[in-house]
All heavy atoms as atom14 arrays in JSON, in Angstrom:
{
  "sequence": "KMTGLYALQRLSSAISTTLEEEQIFKMIDPNYLEELNFEKSCALL",
  "atom14_mask": [
    [1, 1, 1, 1, 1, 1, 1, 1, 1, 0, 0, 0, 0, 0],
    [1, 1, 1, 1, 1, 1, 1, 1, 0, 0, 0, 0, 0, 0],
    [1, 1, 1, 1, 1, 1, 1, 0, 0, 0, 0, 0, 0, 0],
    [1, 1, 1, 1, 0, 0, 0, 0, 0, 0, 0, 0, 0, 0],
    [1, 1, 1, 1, 1, 1, 1, 1, 0, 0, 0, 0, 0, 0],
    [1, 1, 1, 1, 1, 1, 1, 1, 1, 1, 1, 1, 0, 0],
    [1, 1, 1, 1, 1, 0, 0, 0, 0, 0, 0, 0, 0, 0],
    [1, 1, 1, 1, 1, 1, 1, 1, 0, 0, 0, 0, 0, 0],
    [1, 1, 1, 1, 1, 1, 1, 1, 1, 0, 0, 0, 0, 0],
    [1, 1, 1, 1, 1, 1, 1, 1, 1, 1, 1, 0, 0, 0],
    [1, 1, 1, 1, 1, 1, 1, 1, 0, 0, 0, 0, 0, 0],
    [1, 1, 1, 1, 1, 1, 0, 0, 0, 0, 0, 0, 0, 0],
    [1, 1, 1, 1, 1, 1, 0, 0, 0, 0, 0, 0, 0, 0],
    [1, 1, 1, 1, 1, 0, 0, 0, 0, 0, 0, 0, 0, 0],
    [1, 1, 1, 1, 1, 1, 1, 1, 0, 0, 0, 0, 0, 0],
    [1, 1, 1, 1, 1, 1, 0, 0, 0, 0, 0, 0, 0, 0],
    [1, 1, 1, 1, 1, 1, 1, 0, 0, 0, 0, 0, 0, 0],
    [1, 1, 1, 1, 1, 1, 1, 0, 0, 0, 0, 0, 0, 0],
    [1, 1, 1, 1, 1, 1, 1, 1, 0, 0, 0, 0, 0, 0],
    [1, 1, 1, 1, 1, 1, 1, 1, 1, 0, 0, 0, 0, 0],
    [1, 1, 1, 1, 1, 1, 1, 1, 1, 0, 0, 0, 0, 0],
    [1, 1, 1, 1, 1, 1, 1, 1, 1, 0, 0, 0, 0, 0],
    [1, 1, 1, 1, 1, 1, 1, 1, 1, 0, 0, 0, 0, 0],
    [1, 1, 1, 1, 1, 1, 1, 1, 0, 0, 0, 0, 0, 0],
    [1, 1, 1, 1, 1, 1, 1, 1, 1, 1, 1, 0, 0, 0],
    [1, 1, 1, 1, 1, 1, 1, 1, 1, 0, 0, 0, 0, 0],
    [1, 1, 1, 1, 1, 1, 1, 1, 0, 0, 0, 0, 0, 0],
    [1, 1, 1, 1, 1, 1, 1, 1, 0, 0, 0, 0, 0, 0],
    [1, 1, 1, 1, 1, 1, 1, 1, 0, 0, 0, 0, 0, 0],
    [1, 1, 1, 1, 1, 1, 1, 0, 0, 0, 0, 0, 0, 0],
    [1, 1, 1, 1, 1, 1, 1, 1, 0, 0, 0, 0, 0, 0],
    [1, 1, 1, 1, 1, 1, 1, 1, 1, 1, 1, 1, 0, 0],
    [1, 1, 1, 1, 1, 1, 1, 1, 0, 0, 0, 0, 0, 0],
    [1, 1, 1, 1, 1, 1, 1, 1, 1, 0, 0, 0, 0, 0],
    [1, 1, 1, 1, 1, 1, 1, 1, 1, 0, 0, 0, 0, 0],
    [1, 1, 1, 1, 1, 1, 1, 1, 0, 0, 0, 0, 0, 0],
    [1, 1, 1, 1, 1, 1, 1, 1, 0, 0, 0, 0, 0, 0],
    [1, 1, 1, 1, 1, 1, 1, 1, 1, 1, 1, 0, 0, 0],
    [1, 1, 1, 1, 1, 1, 1, 1, 1, 0, 0, 0, 0, 0],
    [1, 1, 1, 1, 1, 1, 1, 1, 1, 0, 0, 0, 0, 0],
    [1, 1, 1, 1, 1, 1, 0, 0, 0, 0, 0, 0, 0, 0],
    [1, 1, 1, 1, 1, 1, 0, 0, 0, 0, 0, 0, 0, 0],
    [1, 1, 1, 1, 1, 0, 0, 0, 0, 0, 0, 0, 0, 0],
    [1, 1, 1, 1, 1, 1, 1, 1, 0, 0, 0, 0, 0, 0],
    [1, 1, 1, 1, 1, 1, 1, 1, 0, 0, 0, 0, 0, 0]
  ],
  "atom14_positions": [
    [[104.29, 99.48, 100.76], [104.23, 98.31, 101.56], [104.42, 98.63, 103.07], [103.77, 98.08, 103.95], [105.35, 97.35, 101.1], [105.21, 95.94, 101.69], [106.02, 94.9, 100.98], [105.77, 93.51, 101.51], [106.49, 92.48, 100.7], [0.0, 0.0, 0.0], [0.0, 0.0, 0.0], [0.0, 0.0, 0.0], [0.0, 0.0, 0.0], [0.0, 0.0, 0.0]],
    [[105.31, 99.56, 103.38], [105.5, 99.98, 104.79], [104.25, 100.61, 105.32], [103.85, 100.34, 106.4], [106.66, 100.95, 104.84], [108.09, 100.4, 104.59], [108.49, 99.07, 105.8], [108.45, 99.98, 107.26], [0.0, 0.0, 0.0], [0.0, 0.0, 0.0], [0.0, 0.0, 0.0], [0.0, 0.0, 0.0], [0.0, 0.0, 0.0], [0.0, 0.0, 0.0]],
    [[103.62, 101.48, 104.47], [102.35, 102.07, 104.92], [101.29, 101.01, 105.18], [100.56, 101.02, 106.17], [101.85, 103.05, 103.82], [102.82, 104.05, 103.56], [100.5, 103.7, 104.24], [0.0, 0.0, 0.0], [0.0, 0.0, 0.0], [0.0, 0.0, 0.0], [0.0, 0.0, 0.0], [0.0, 0.0, 0.0], [0.0, 0.0, 0.0], [0.0, 0.0, 0.0]],
    [[101.26, 100.01, 104.23], [100.32, 98.9, 104.44], [100.64, 98.09, 105.7], [99.69, 97.65, 106.42], [0.0, 0.0, 0.0], [0.0, 0.0, 0.0], [0.0, 0.0, 0.0], [0.0, 0.0, 0.0], [0.0, 0.0, 0.0], [0.0, 0.0, 0.0], [0.0, 0.0, 0.0], [0.0, 0.0, 0.0], [0.0, 0.0, 0.0], [0.0, 0.0, 0.0]],
    [[101.9, 97.87, 105.95], [102.31, 97.1, 107.13], [101.88, 97.8, 108.41], [101.42, 97.21, 109.38], [103.83, 96.77, 107.16], [104.25, 95.72, 106.08], [105.77, 95.62, 106.05], [103.7, 94.32, 106.54], [0.0, 0.0, 0.0], [0.0, 0.0, 0.0], [0.0, 0.0, 0.0], [0.0, 0.0, 0.0], [0.0, 0.0, 0.0], [0.0, 0.0, 0.0]],
    [[102.17, 99.13, 108.38], [101.76, 99.9, 109.6], [100.26, 99.88, 109.8], [99.7, 99.7, 110.91], [102.23, 101.35, 109.44], [103.72, 101.58, 109.7], [104.54, 102.27, 108.74], [104.33, 101.04, 110.82], [105.85, 102.47, 108.98], [105.65, 101.21, 111.04], [106.4, 101.93, 110.09], [107.76, 102.08, 110.32], [0.0, 0.0, 0.0], [0.0, 0.0, 0.0]],
    [[99.53, 100.06, 108.68], [98.06, 100.02, 108.76], [97.57, 98.6, 109.23], [96.69, 98.52, 110.0], [97.44, 100.32, 107.43], [0.0, 0.0, 0.0], [0.0, 0.0, 0.0], [0.0, 0.0, 0.0], [0.0, 0.0, 0.0], [0.0, 0.0, 0.0], [0.0, 0.0, 0.0], [0.0, 0.0, 0.0], [0.0, 0.0, 0.0], [0.0, 0.0, 0.0]],
    [[98.32, 97.6, 108.7], [97.92, 96.18, 109.09], [98.22, 95.94, 110.61], [97.45, 95.28, 111.29], [98.68, 95.2, 108.23], [98.42, 93.73, 108.45], [96.91, 93.36, 108.17], [99.28, 92.87, 107.63], [0.0, 0.0, 0.0], [0.0, 0.0, 0.0], [0.0, 0.0, 0.0], [0.0, 0.0, 0.0], [0.0, 0.0, 0.0], [0.0, 0.0, 0.0]],
    [[99.34, 96.52, 111.06], [99.66, 96.36, 112.49], [98.64, 97.02, 113.36], [98.21, 96.42, 114.36], [101.08, 96.98, 112.72], [101.72, 96.66, 114.04], [101.29, 97.61, 115.14], [100.92, 98.74, 114.84], [101.25, 97.19, 116.4], [0.0, 0.0, 0.0], [0.0, 0.0, 0.0], [0.0, 0.0, 0.0], [0.0, 0.0, 0.0], [0.0, 0.0, 0.0]],
    [[98.19, 98.21, 112.99], [97.12, 98.89, 113.75], [95.81, 98.11, 113.7], [95.11, 98.02, 114.67], [96.96, 100.32, 113.32], [98.14, 101.22, 113.57], [97.85, 102.69, 113.43], [97.44, 103.01, 112.07], [98.32, 103.34, 111.12], [99.63, 103.35, 111.39], [97.88, 103.64, 109.9], [0.0, 0.0, 0.0], [0.0, 0.0, 0.0], [0.0, 0.0, 0.0]],
    [[95.53, 97.56, 112.51], [94.32, 96.75, 112.32], [94.39, 95.49, 113.28], [93.44, 95.17, 113.94], [94.17, 96.32, 110.85], [93.31, 97.17, 109.98], [93.42, 96.62, 108.56], [91.84, 97.22, 110.45], [0.0, 0.0, 0.0], [0.0, 0.0, 0.0], [0.0, 0.0, 0.0], [0.0, 0.0, 0.0], [0.0, 0.0, 0.0], [0.0, 0.0, 0.0]],
    [[95.53, 94.86, 113.32], [95.64, 93.7, 114.1], [95.54, 94.0, 115.56], [94.91, 93.26, 116.37], [97.13, 93.05, 113.83], [97.13, 92.61, 112.52], [0.0, 0.0, 0.0], [0.0, 0.0, 0.0], [0.0, 0.0, 0.0], [0.0, 0.0, 0.0], [0.0, 0.0, 0.0], [0.0, 0.0, 0.0], [0.0, 0.0, 0.0], [0.0, 0.0, 0.0]],
    [[96.14, 95.15, 116.02], [96.01, 95.56, 117.36], [94.58, 95.85, 117.75], [94.14, 95.48, 118.81], [96.86, 96.82, 117.58], [98.22, 96.55, 117.38], [0.0, 0.0, 0.0], [0.0, 0.0, 0.0], [0.0, 0.0, 0.0], [0.0, 0.0, 0.0], [0.0, 0.0, 0.0], [0.0, 0.0, 0.0], [0.0, 0.0, 0.0], [0.0, 0.0, 0.0]],
    [[93.86, 96.53, 116.84], [92.48, 96.78, 117.13], [91.64, 95.57, 117.18], [90.79, 95.41, 118.11], [91.87, 97.71, 116.04], [0.0, 0.0, 0.0], [0.0, 0.0, 0.0], [0.0, 0.0, 0.0], [0.0, 0.0, 0.0], [0.0, 0.0, 0.0], [0.0, 0.0, 0.0], [0.0, 0.0, 0.0], [0.0, 0.0, 0.0], [0.0, 0.0, 0.0]],
    [[91.83, 94.62, 116.32], [91.13, 93.34, 116.31], [91.37, 92.56, 117.6], [90.48, 91.88, 118.16], [91.47, 92.53, 115.07], [90.95, 93.19, 113.83], [90.96, 91.11, 115.19], [91.52, 92.54, 112.56], [0.0, 0.0, 0.0], [0.0, 0.0, 0.0], [0.0, 0.0, 0.0], [0.0, 0.0, 0.0], [0.0, 0.0, 0.0], [0.0, 0.0, 0.0]],
    [[92.61, 92.61, 118.04], [93.0, 91.78, 119.27], [92.54, 92.32, 120.55], [92.68, 91.72, 121.6], [94.49, 91.58, 119.26], [95.11, 92.87, 119.45], [0.0, 0.0, 0.0], [0.0, 0.0, 0.0], [0.0, 0.0, 0.0], [0.0, 0.0, 0.0], [0.0, 0.0, 0.0], [0.0, 0.0, 0.0], [0.0, 0.0, 0.0], [0.0, 0.0, 0.0]],
    [[91.9, 93.51, 120.46], [91.4, 94.12, 121.77], [90.06, 93.59, 122.22], [89.63, 93.98, 123.34], [91.29, 95.65, 121.61], [90.36, 95.93, 120.55], [92.67, 96.27, 121.34], [0.0, 0.0, 0.0], [0.0, 0.0, 0.0], [0.0, 0.0, 0.0], [0.0, 0.0, 0.0], [0.0, 0.0, 0.0], [0.0, 0.0, 0.0], [0.0, 0.0, 0.0]],
    [[89.46, 92.8, 121.42], [88.1, 92.28, 121.83], [88.07, 90.77, 121.73], [88.78, 90.15, 120.92], [86.98, 92.87, 120.91], [85.74, 92.3, 121.4], [87.17, 92.5, 119.46], [0.0, 0.0, 0.0], [0.0, 0.0, 0.0], [0.0, 0.0, 0.0], [0.0, 0.0, 0.0], [0.0, 0.0, 0.0], [0.0, 0.0, 0.0], [0.0, 0.0, 0.0]],
    [[87.3, 90.12, 122.61], [87.06, 88.71, 122.59], [85.62, 88.36, 122.31], [85.19, 87.23, 122.54], [87.52, 88.05, 123.92], [89.05, 87.97, 124.16], [89.35, 87.54, 125.54], [89.68, 86.98, 123.16], [0.0, 0.0, 0.0], [0.0, 0.0, 0.0], [0.0, 0.0, 0.0], [0.0, 0.0, 0.0], [0.0, 0.0, 0.0], [0.0, 0.0, 0.0]],
    [[84.9, 89.34, 121.78], [83.52, 89.19, 121.35], [83.48, 89.05, 119.84], [83.88, 89.96, 119.16], [82.64, 90.28, 121.85], [82.58, 90.42, 123.39], [81.65, 91.52, 123.78], [80.59, 91.7, 123.07], [81.93, 92.25, 124.74], [0.0, 0.0, 0.0], [0.0, 0.0, 0.0], [0.0, 0.0, 0.0], [0.0, 0.0, 0.0], [0.0, 0.0, 0.0]],
    [[82.92, 87.93, 119.32], [82.92, 87.7, 117.91], [82.13, 88.83, 117.16], [82.61, 89.2, 116.09], [82.25, 86.3, 117.65], [82.26, 85.91, 116.19], [81.78, 84.49, 115.96], [81.76, 83.75, 116.92], [81.44, 84.16, 114.83], [0.0, 0.0, 0.0], [0.0, 0.0, 0.0], [0.0, 0.0, 0.0], [0.0, 0.0, 0.0], [0.0, 0.0, 0.0]],
    [[81.07, 89.31, 117.71], [80.27, 90.3, 117.09], [81.03, 91.63, 116.93], [80.72, 92.44, 116.06], [78.95, 90.56, 117.82], [78.07, 89.35, 117.81], [76.78, 89.59, 118.62], [76.72, 90.62, 119.17], [75.92, 88.74, 118.62], [0.0, 0.0, 0.0], [0.0, 0.0, 0.0], [0.0, 0.0, 0.0], [0.0, 0.0, 0.0], [0.0, 0.0, 0.0]],
    [[82.05, 91.85, 117.79], [82.74, 93.16, 117.74], [83.98, 93.15, 116.92], [84.53, 94.2, 116.64], [83.17, 93.53, 119.2], [81.96, 93.79, 120.12], [81.17, 94.96, 119.74], [81.7, 95.96, 119.24], [79.85, 94.89, 119.86], [0.0, 0.0, 0.0], [0.0, 0.0, 0.0], [0.0, 0.0, 0.0], [0.0, 0.0, 0.0], [0.0, 0.0, 0.0]],
    [[84.46, 91.95, 116.5], [85.72, 91.87, 115.78], [85.71, 92.7, 114.54], [86.67, 93.46, 114.28], [86.05, 90.36, 115.5], [86.38, 89.64, 116.79], [87.26, 90.28, 114.53], [86.59, 88.17, 116.6], [0.0, 0.0, 0.0], [0.0, 0.0, 0.0], [0.0, 0.0, 0.0], [0.0, 0.0, 0.0], [0.0, 0.0, 0.0], [0.0, 0.0, 0.0]],
    [[84.73, 92.49, 113.65], [84.67, 93.23, 112.38], [84.37, 94.66, 112.51], [84.78, 95.54, 111.68], [83.69, 92.51, 111.4], [84.08, 91.19, 110.98], [83.57, 90.03, 111.63], [84.99, 90.99, 109.94], [83.93, 88.75, 111.27], [85.42, 89.75, 109.55], [84.84, 88.61, 110.26], [0.0, 0.0, 0.0], [0.0, 0.0, 0.0], [0.0, 0.0, 0.0]],
    [[83.8, 95.03, 113.63], [83.5, 96.45, 113.84], [84.69, 97.19, 114.28], [84.74, 98.47, 114.24], [82.46, 96.58, 115.06], [81.04, 96.06, 114.64], [80.07, 96.2, 115.81], [78.75, 95.66, 115.43], [77.74, 95.8, 116.59], [0.0, 0.0, 0.0], [0.0, 0.0, 0.0], [0.0, 0.0, 0.0], [0.0, 0.0, 0.0], [0.0, 0.0, 0.0]],
    [[85.78, 96.53, 114.58], [87.0, 97.14, 115.03], [87.85, 97.57, 113.8], [88.89, 98.25, 113.93], [87.86, 96.23, 115.87], [87.18, 95.69, 117.14], [86.62, 97.06, 118.22], [88.17, 97.77, 118.76], [0.0, 0.0, 0.0], [0.0, 0.0, 0.0], [0.0, 0.0, 0.0], [0.0, 0.0, 0.0], [0.0, 0.0, 0.0], [0.0, 0.0, 0.0]],
    [[87.4, 97.18, 112.54], [88.15, 97.55, 111.31], [87.71, 98.98, 110.88], [86.62, 99.13, 110.42], [87.86, 96.52, 110.19], [88.32, 95.07, 110.65], [88.63, 96.89, 108.98], [88.08, 94.02, 109.65], [0.0, 0.0, 0.0], [0.0, 0.0, 0.0], [0.0, 0.0, 0.0], [0.0, 0.0, 0.0], [0.0, 0.0, 0.0], [0.0, 0.0, 0.0]],
    [[88.59, 99.92, 111.09], [88.37, 101.33, 110.7], [88.54, 101.5, 109.26], [89.58, 101.08, 108.66], [89.3, 102.19, 111.49], [88.94, 103.66, 111.4], [88.48, 104.12, 110.34], [89.09, 104.36, 112.47], [0.0, 0.0, 0.0], [0.0, 0.0, 0.0], [0.0, 0.0, 0.0], [0.0, 0.0, 0.0], [0.0, 0.0, 0.0], [0.0, 0.0, 0.0]],
    [[87.58, 102.12, 108.52], [87.74, 102.42, 107.05], [89.01, 103.11, 106.71], [89.59, 103.0, 105.65], [86.5, 103.24, 106.7], [85.49, 102.82, 107.75], [86.26, 102.6, 109.03], [0.0, 0.0, 0.0], [0.0, 0.0, 0.0], [0.0, 0.0, 0.0], [0.0, 0.0, 0.0], [0.0, 0.0, 0.0], [0.0, 0.0, 0.0], [0.0, 0.0, 0.0]],
    [[89.54, 103.99, 107.62], [90.72, 104.71, 107.4], [91.93, 103.8, 107.2], [92.85, 104.08, 106.4], [91.04, 105.65, 108.51], [90.03, 106.82, 108.63], [89.49, 107.2, 107.57], [89.71, 107.29, 109.79], [0.0, 0.0, 0.0], [0.0, 0.0, 0.0], [0.0, 0.0, 0.0], [0.0, 0.0, 0.0], [0.0, 0.0, 0.0], [0.0, 0.0, 0.0]],
    [[91.91, 102.63, 108.01], [92.97, 101.7, 107.78], [92.97, 101.12, 106.38], [94.02, 100.89, 105.73], [92.85, 100.54, 108.78], [93.03, 101.04, 110.26], [92.4, 100.25, 111.26], [93.7, 102.17, 110.58], [92.58, 100.63, 112.59], [93.84, 102.53, 111.86], [93.29, 101.81, 112.9], [93.41, 102.19, 114.24], [0.0, 0.0, 0.0], [0.0, 0.0, 0.0]],
    [[91.71, 100.85, 105.86], [91.68, 100.3, 104.45], [92.15, 101.31, 103.47], [92.76, 100.97, 102.46], [90.23, 99.92, 104.21], [89.7, 98.67, 105.05], [88.24, 98.55, 104.89], [90.44, 97.46, 104.74], [0.0, 0.0, 0.0], [0.0, 0.0, 0.0], [0.0, 0.0, 0.0], [0.0, 0.0, 0.0], [0.0, 0.0, 0.0], [0.0, 0.0, 0.0]],
    [[91.87, 102.56, 103.72], [92.37, 103.59, 102.72], [93.85, 103.63, 102.72], [94.5, 103.84, 101.68], [91.78, 104.93, 103.12], [90.29, 105.08, 102.91], [89.78, 106.48, 103.18], [90.63, 107.32, 103.51], [88.48, 106.65, 103.18], [0.0, 0.0, 0.0], [0.0, 0.0, 0.0], [0.0, 0.0, 0.0], [0.0, 0.0, 0.0], [0.0, 0.0, 0.0]],
    [[94.49, 103.43, 103.85], [95.93, 103.39, 103.92], [96.5, 102.2, 103.1], [97.68, 102.22, 102.67], [96.45, 103.33, 105.34], [96.17, 104.65, 106.11], [96.69, 104.57, 107.53], [97.71, 103.84, 107.74], [96.12, 105.18, 108.42], [0.0, 0.0, 0.0], [0.0, 0.0, 0.0], [0.0, 0.0, 0.0], [0.0, 0.0, 0.0], [0.0, 0.0, 0.0]],
    [[95.63, 101.16, 102.89], [96.04, 100.0, 102.1], [95.71, 100.26, 100.68], [95.84, 99.34, 99.83], [95.36, 98.75, 102.64], [95.79, 98.28, 104.05], [94.82, 97.14, 104.55], [97.22, 97.88, 104.12], [0.0, 0.0, 0.0], [0.0, 0.0, 0.0], [0.0, 0.0, 0.0], [0.0, 0.0, 0.0], [0.0, 0.0, 0.0], [0.0, 0.0, 0.0]],
    [[95.2, 101.48, 100.36], [94.79, 101.82, 99.0], [93.57, 101.11, 98.55], [93.46, 100.83, 97.33], [96.03, 101.53, 97.99], [97.15, 102.52, 98.31], [96.93, 103.71, 98.54], [98.39, 101.93, 98.29], [0.0, 0.0, 0.0], [0.0, 0.0, 0.0], [0.0, 0.0, 0.0], [0.0, 0.0, 0.0], [0.0, 0.0, 0.0], [0.0, 0.0, 0.0]],
    [[92.59, 100.86, 99.41], [91.35, 100.24, 99.04], [90.18, 101.09, 99.59], [90.26, 101.55, 100.72], [91.26, 98.79, 99.57], [92.24, 97.84, 99.0], [93.33, 97.51, 99.7], [92.11, 97.4, 97.66], [94.33, 96.64, 99.23], [93.02, 96.54, 97.11], [94.18, 96.15, 97.85], [0.0, 0.0, 0.0], [0.0, 0.0, 0.0], [0.0, 0.0, 0.0]],
    [[89.2, 101.35, 98.76], [88.06, 102.16, 99.2], [86.88, 101.29, 99.64], [85.98, 101.76, 100.35], [87.57, 103.12, 98.16], [88.64, 104.09, 97.59], [89.39, 103.53, 96.47], [88.86, 102.81, 95.63], [90.58, 103.8, 96.42], [0.0, 0.0, 0.0], [0.0, 0.0, 0.0], [0.0, 0.0, 0.0], [0.0, 0.0, 0.0], [0.0, 0.0, 0.0]],
    [[86.86, 100.01, 99.17], [85.7, 99.14, 99.53], [86.13, 97.85, 100.1], [87.27, 97.36, 99.79], [84.96, 98.84, 98.13], [84.36, 100.07, 97.46], [83.66, 99.69, 96.17], [82.97, 100.92, 95.53], [82.28, 100.46, 94.26], [0.0, 0.0, 0.0], [0.0, 0.0, 0.0], [0.0, 0.0, 0.0], [0.0, 0.0, 0.0], [0.0, 0.0, 0.0]],
    [[85.27, 97.35, 100.96], [85.6, 96.08, 101.62], [84.33, 95.43, 102.11], [83.33, 96.11, 102.48], [86.55, 96.36, 102.84], [86.8, 95.09, 103.49], [0.0, 0.0, 0.0], [0.0, 0.0, 0.0], [0.0, 0.0, 0.0], [0.0, 0.0, 0.0], [0.0, 0.0, 0.0], [0.0, 0.0, 0.0], [0.0, 0.0, 0.0], [0.0, 0.0, 0.0]],
    [[84.33, 94.1, 102.04], [83.2, 93.27, 102.63], [83.88, 92.03, 103.3], [84.87, 91.44, 102.8], [82.3, 92.8, 101.5], [81.09, 93.98, 101.09], [0.0, 0.0, 0.0], [0.0, 0.0, 0.0], [0.0, 0.0, 0.0], [0.0, 0.0, 0.0], [0.0, 0.0, 0.0], [0.0, 0.0, 0.0], [0.0, 0.0, 0.0], [0.0, 0.0, 0.0]],
    [[83.31, 91.69, 104.41], [83.72, 90.43, 105.06], [82.42, 89.6, 105.27], [81.41, 90.11, 105.71], [84.34, 90.71, 106.46], [0.0, 0.0, 0.0], [0.0, 0.0, 0.0], [0.0, 0.0, 0.0], [0.0, 0.0, 0.0], [0.0, 0.0, 0.0], [0.0, 0.0, 0.0], [0.0, 0.0, 0.0], [0.0, 0.0, 0.0], [0.0, 0.0, 0.0]],
    [[82.52, 88.35, 104.94], [81.35, 87.49, 104.99], [81.67, 86.13, 105.65], [82.81, 85.58, 105.53], [80.86, 87.15, 103.54], [80.46, 88.31, 102.7], [81.57, 88.72, 101.78], [79.17, 88.02, 101.9], [0.0, 0.0, 0.0], [0.0, 0.0, 0.0], [0.0, 0.0, 0.0], [0.0, 0.0, 0.0], [0.0, 0.0, 0.0], [0.0, 0.0, 0.0]],
    [[80.8, 85.67, 106.53], [80.93, 84.36, 107.19], [79.74, 83.48, 106.84], [78.64, 83.93, 106.7], [81.01, 84.53, 108.73], [82.25, 85.23, 109.26], [82.09, 85.39, 110.81], [83.54, 84.49, 108.88], [0.0, 0.0, 0.0], [0.0, 0.0, 0.0], [0.0, 0.0, 0.0], [0.0, 0.0, 0.0], [0.0, 0.0, 0.0], [0.0, 0.0, 0.0]]
  ]
}
């Protein structure tokens, strides 16, 4: 959980660095997801 929280904190920081909608999802690094113990991810709008 601590590893996940640290990864989530870095994800949140990365996401908050942009105010362009097209860039938000590009800020999610696959390495962060691996730290959350997930190898696959999809985001859909």
